[in-house]
Every structure is written in structure tokens, then in C-alpha cells.
Amino acid sequence: MLELSKWYPRKPVDTVSRRFEVHGFIWSSRAPHVLRRRYVATQACTIPVFLCLAALVWLNETRLDARIWGAVAFCFMSFLAAGALT
């Protein structure tokens, strides 16, 4: 955020607009390579988190339909996160 504020000195309207600014800044030529690598590493952590949540739902849910749909939903979110990252 500090690096972003050097290039975008105005205050954000809301957190959603700031997220779009961060995403655009990270992939621009103005962002340092180290910062881009750190951003990708932190975003990549969401993929195993969703898979762990799918495993937790699968192992701990007692109703079969909730178990299946919960695991499928978290696996799908993991695929979406992987697609967005690539």
C-alpha cells in the first residue's frame, strides 16, 4: 500500500476501488519486481486455503448433501482463484 500511495496519492473512495488500484499497479511496469513476487505469493496462498476448507467440510459435515456441495463449492473457489492468479 505504501508503494501504491507513491503512484496514486489520492485517497481511495472505498476498499473495492483500492483493490482494483492495487491489482492494476502490481501488474504495471511501475511496481518493483520484489513487490510483484510477494503479491503473487500471498494470492497463491488462497488456493490451498480453499482446498483445506473443502477437506474440513468433507470430514466434519454430517449431512451428505451439505458435505458434497460444500466440498464442491470450495474446490470450485480454489479453481477460480487459480484461474484468476494465472
Protein backbone atom coordinates (compact mmCIF):
# COMPACT_ATOMS: atom_id res chain seq x y z
CA MET A 1 0.00 0.00 0.00
CA LEU A 2 2.90 2.35 0.70
CA GLU A 3 4.36 1.73 -2.74
CA LEU A 4 0.94 2.28 -4.30
CA SER A 5 0.46 5.58 -2.47
CA LYS A 6 3.60 6.92 -4.16
CA TRP A 7 1.96 6.48 -7.57
CA TYR A 8 -1.68 7.11 -6.55
CA PRO A 9 -1.56 9.88 -3.93
CA ARG A 10 -5.33 10.43 -3.76
CA LYS A 11 -7.39 8.75 -1.09
CA PRO A 12 -9.47 5.75 -2.17
CA VAL A 13 -13.23 6.06 -2.38
CA ASP A 14 -13.76 2.63 -0.85
CA THR A 15 -11.92 -0.64 -0.34
CA VAL A 16 -13.18 -2.15 -3.60
CA SER A 17 -11.75 0.69 -5.67
CA ARG A 18 -8.46 0.43 -3.76
CA ARG A 19 -8.30 -3.29 -4.53
CA PHE A 20 -8.65 -2.58 -8.25
CA GLU A 21 -5.93 0.06 -7.97
CA VAL A 22 -3.61 -2.40 -6.21
CA HIS A 23 -4.26 -5.06 -8.84
CA GLY A 24 -3.61 -2.63 -11.68
CA PHE A 25 -0.50 -1.28 -10.01
CA ILE A 26 1.02 -4.70 -9.33
CA TRP A 27 0.88 -5.68 -12.99
CA SER A 28 2.13 -2.32 -14.28
CA SER A 29 5.74 -1.55 -15.06
CA ARG A 30 5.91 0.85 -12.11
CA ALA A 31 5.70 -1.92 -9.49
CA PRO A 32 9.01 -3.34 -8.28
CA HIS A 33 9.65 -6.98 -9.12
CA VAL A 34 10.03 -7.90 -5.44
CA LEU A 35 6.63 -6.43 -4.62
CA ARG A 36 5.02 -8.28 -7.52
CA ARG A 37 6.57 -11.56 -6.39
CA ARG A 38 5.28 -11.03 -2.83
CA TYR A 39 1.79 -10.23 -4.15
CA VAL A 40 1.69 -13.42 -6.22
CA ALA A 41 2.90 -15.49 -3.26
CA THR A 42 0.22 -14.14 -0.94
CA GLN A 43 -2.50 -14.56 -3.54
CA ALA A 44 -1.33 -18.12 -4.23
CA CYS A 45 -1.97 -18.99 -0.58
CA THR A 46 -5.71 -18.73 -1.18
CA ILE A 47 -5.67 -21.86 -3.33
CA PRO A 48 -4.56 -24.30 -0.60
CA VAL A 49 -6.77 -22.47 1.91
CA PHE A 50 -9.87 -23.23 -0.17
CA LEU A 51 -8.76 -26.83 -0.60
CA CYS A 52 -8.27 -27.17 3.17
CA LEU A 53 -11.73 -25.74 3.74
CA ALA A 54 -13.13 -28.29 1.28
CA ALA A 55 -11.42 -31.05 3.24
CA LEU A 56 -12.77 -29.70 6.53
CA VAL A 57 -16.30 -29.62 5.16
CA TRP A 58 -15.92 -33.12 3.76
CA LEU A 59 -14.61 -34.53 7.04
CA ASN A 60 -16.83 -32.70 9.52
CA GLU A 61 -20.23 -32.24 7.88
CA THR A 62 -22.78 -34.82 8.94
CA ARG A 63 -25.34 -34.32 6.15
CA LEU A 64 -24.31 -35.93 2.89
CA ASP A 65 -25.76 -33.25 0.61
CA ALA A 66 -24.09 -30.42 2.55
CA ARG A 67 -20.83 -32.38 2.57
CA ILE A 68 -20.82 -32.85 -1.19
CA TRP A 69 -21.99 -29.36 -2.13
CA GLY A 70 -19.70 -27.69 0.41
CA ALA A 71 -16.65 -29.56 -0.82
CA VAL A 72 -17.57 -28.88 -4.44
CA ALA A 73 -18.09 -25.19 -3.72
CA PHE A 74 -14.70 -24.77 -2.03
CA CYS A 75 -12.95 -26.76 -4.77
CA PHE A 76 -14.61 -24.55 -7.35
CA MET A 77 -13.47 -21.44 -5.48
CA SER A 78 -9.95 -22.87 -5.48
CA PHE A 79 -10.09 -23.32 -9.26
CA LEU A 80 -11.40 -19.76 -9.65
CA ALA A 81 -8.56 -18.41 -7.52
CA ALA A 82 -6.03 -20.37 -9.55
CA GLY A 83 -7.52 -19.11 -12.79
CA ALA A 84 -7.54 -15.52 -11.57
CA LEU A 85 -3.94 -15.79 -10.46
CA THR A 86 -2.76 -17.17 -13.77
